[in-house]
Amino acid sequence: MPSYSDGSGNTWGGWGKRPNWLREALGAGKRLEAFQVRSGRGSAKKAFGLKLSFF
């Protein structure tokens, strides 16, 4: 799942070198937080205080 997206299909996982589309947007004055993907994942865990175990 990508961590950052521009809403036009460009994504970046947050690892390695930032892609050109993101570097250009940041250079134009946009903030990195504006591209952060907001996932509902984990919200139930927080809302209900669930502890998940994989083993």
N, C-alpha and C. Protein backbone atom coordinates (compact mmCIF):
# COMPACT_ATOMS: atom_id res chain seq x y z
N MET A 1 0.85 -1.18 0.00
CA MET A 1 0.00 0.00 0.00
C MET A 1 0.89 1.24 0.00
N PRO A 2 0.64 2.16 -0.90
CA PRO A 2 1.47 3.36 -0.95
C PRO A 2 1.24 4.26 0.25
N SER A 3 2.29 4.96 0.63
CA SER A 3 2.19 5.90 1.74
C SER A 3 1.84 7.30 1.26
N TYR A 4 2.20 7.59 0.00
CA TYR A 4 1.96 8.92 -0.56
C TYR A 4 1.39 8.79 -1.96
N SER A 5 0.45 9.67 -2.29
CA SER A 5 -0.18 9.65 -3.61
C SER A 5 -0.58 11.07 -4.00
N ASP A 6 -0.54 11.34 -5.30
CA ASP A 6 -0.95 12.66 -5.77
C ASP A 6 -2.39 12.68 -6.26
N GLY A 7 -3.08 11.55 -6.19
CA GLY A 7 -4.47 11.48 -6.63
C GLY A 7 -4.61 11.30 -8.13
N SER A 8 -3.50 11.27 -8.85
CA SER A 8 -3.52 11.08 -10.30
C SER A 8 -2.89 9.76 -10.71
N GLY A 9 -2.70 8.87 -9.74
CA GLY A 9 -2.12 7.57 -10.04
C GLY A 9 -0.66 7.44 -9.67
N ASN A 10 0.00 8.55 -9.33
CA ASN A 10 1.39 8.49 -8.91
C ASN A 10 1.45 8.18 -7.42
N THR A 11 2.28 7.20 -7.06
CA THR A 11 2.40 6.81 -5.66
C THR A 11 3.87 6.63 -5.29
N TRP A 12 4.12 6.66 -3.99
CA TRP A 12 5.45 6.41 -3.45
C TRP A 12 5.27 5.76 -2.10
N GLY A 13 6.02 4.72 -1.83
CA GLY A 13 5.91 3.97 -0.59
C GLY A 13 6.61 4.59 0.60
N GLY A 14 7.37 5.66 0.38
CA GLY A 14 8.06 6.31 1.47
C GLY A 14 9.47 5.80 1.68
N TRP A 15 9.92 4.87 0.85
CA TRP A 15 11.26 4.31 0.96
C TRP A 15 12.08 4.70 -0.26
N GLY A 16 13.33 4.94 -0.05
CA GLY A 16 14.22 5.26 -1.16
C GLY A 16 14.07 6.69 -1.63
N LYS A 17 14.62 6.95 -2.80
CA LYS A 17 14.61 8.29 -3.37
C LYS A 17 13.19 8.74 -3.70
N ARG A 18 12.89 9.98 -3.40
CA ARG A 18 11.57 10.52 -3.74
C ARG A 18 11.43 10.61 -5.25
N PRO A 19 10.27 10.24 -5.78
CA PRO A 19 10.05 10.30 -7.23
C PRO A 19 9.96 11.75 -7.72
N ASN A 20 10.18 11.91 -9.00
CA ASN A 20 10.17 13.26 -9.61
C ASN A 20 8.87 14.02 -9.35
N TRP A 21 7.73 13.35 -9.49
CA TRP A 21 6.45 14.06 -9.31
C TRP A 21 6.35 14.65 -7.91
N LEU A 22 6.88 13.95 -6.91
CA LEU A 22 6.81 14.44 -5.54
C LEU A 22 7.84 15.54 -5.30
N ARG A 23 9.05 15.35 -5.81
CA ARG A 23 10.08 16.39 -5.64
C ARG A 23 9.65 17.70 -6.31
N GLU A 24 9.02 17.59 -7.47
CA GLU A 24 8.55 18.79 -8.17
C GLU A 24 7.45 19.49 -7.38
N ALA A 25 6.53 18.73 -6.83
CA ALA A 25 5.44 19.31 -6.04
C ALA A 25 5.98 19.98 -4.77
N LEU A 26 6.91 19.32 -4.12
CA LEU A 26 7.50 19.91 -2.92
C LEU A 26 8.29 21.17 -3.26
N GLY A 27 8.97 21.16 -4.40
CA GLY A 27 9.70 22.33 -4.87
C GLY A 27 8.78 23.50 -5.20
N ALA A 28 7.53 23.18 -5.54
CA ALA A 28 6.54 24.21 -5.87
C ALA A 28 5.84 24.74 -4.61
N GLY A 29 6.27 24.24 -3.44
CA GLY A 29 5.72 24.76 -2.20
C GLY A 29 4.69 23.89 -1.50
N LYS A 30 4.36 22.75 -2.08
CA LYS A 30 3.40 21.86 -1.41
C LYS A 30 4.08 21.13 -0.27
N ARG A 31 3.29 20.71 0.71
CA ARG A 31 3.82 20.00 1.88
C ARG A 31 3.69 18.50 1.70
N LEU A 32 4.64 17.76 2.21
CA LEU A 32 4.64 16.31 2.10
C LEU A 32 3.37 15.72 2.69
N GLU A 33 2.89 16.30 3.78
CA GLU A 33 1.69 15.80 4.44
C GLU A 33 0.46 15.83 3.54
N ALA A 34 0.46 16.72 2.56
CA ALA A 34 -0.68 16.83 1.64
C ALA A 34 -0.82 15.60 0.76
N PHE A 35 0.24 14.82 0.61
CA PHE A 35 0.22 13.64 -0.25
C PHE A 35 0.10 12.35 0.54
N GLN A 36 0.10 12.43 1.84
CA GLN A 36 0.05 11.23 2.67
C GLN A 36 -1.30 10.53 2.52
N VAL A 37 -1.24 9.23 2.26
CA VAL A 37 -2.45 8.43 2.09
C VAL A 37 -3.03 8.17 3.46
N ARG A 38 -4.28 8.51 3.63
CA ARG A 38 -4.96 8.28 4.90
C ARG A 38 -5.73 6.98 4.78
N SER A 39 -5.28 6.00 5.50
CA SER A 39 -5.89 4.68 5.43
C SER A 39 -6.76 4.45 6.65
N GLY A 40 -7.88 3.81 6.46
CA GLY A 40 -8.74 3.45 7.56
C GLY A 40 -8.18 2.26 8.33
N ARG A 41 -7.13 1.70 7.79
CA ARG A 41 -6.51 0.53 8.39
C ARG A 41 -5.99 0.87 9.78
N GLY A 42 -6.35 0.06 10.73
CA GLY A 42 -5.90 0.27 12.09
C GLY A 42 -6.86 1.11 12.91
N SER A 43 -7.85 1.72 12.26
CA SER A 43 -8.78 2.57 13.00
C SER A 43 -9.64 1.74 13.95
N ALA A 44 -10.04 0.55 13.55
CA ALA A 44 -10.82 -0.31 14.45
C ALA A 44 -9.97 -0.72 15.64
N LYS A 45 -8.70 -0.96 15.37
CA LYS A 45 -7.78 -1.32 16.44
C LYS A 45 -7.72 -0.21 17.48
N LYS A 46 -7.62 1.03 17.02
CA LYS A 46 -7.57 2.16 17.94
C LYS A 46 -8.93 2.38 18.61
N ALA A 47 -9.99 2.27 17.84
CA ALA A 47 -11.33 2.56 18.37
C ALA A 47 -11.76 1.56 19.43
N PHE A 48 -11.38 0.31 19.25
CA PHE A 48 -11.83 -0.73 20.17
C PHE A 48 -10.74 -1.23 21.09
N GLY A 49 -9.54 -0.68 20.98
CA GLY A 49 -8.43 -1.09 21.83
C GLY A 49 -8.01 -2.52 21.60
N LEU A 50 -8.11 -2.97 20.36
CA LEU A 50 -7.77 -4.36 20.05
C LEU A 50 -6.27 -4.55 19.96
N LYS A 51 -5.82 -5.69 20.39
CA LYS A 51 -4.42 -6.08 20.22
C LYS A 51 -4.40 -7.21 19.24
N LEU A 52 -3.64 -7.05 18.17
CA LEU A 52 -3.56 -8.09 17.16
C LEU A 52 -2.27 -8.86 17.32
N SER A 53 -2.37 -10.15 17.18
CA SER A 53 -1.20 -11.01 17.26
C SER A 53 -1.16 -11.88 16.03
N PHE A 54 0.00 -11.99 15.46
CA PHE A 54 0.15 -12.78 14.24
C PHE A 54 0.69 -14.17 14.54
N PHE A 55 1.10 -14.41 15.78
CA PHE A 55 1.65 -15.73 16.14
C PHE A 55 0.97 -16.27 17.35
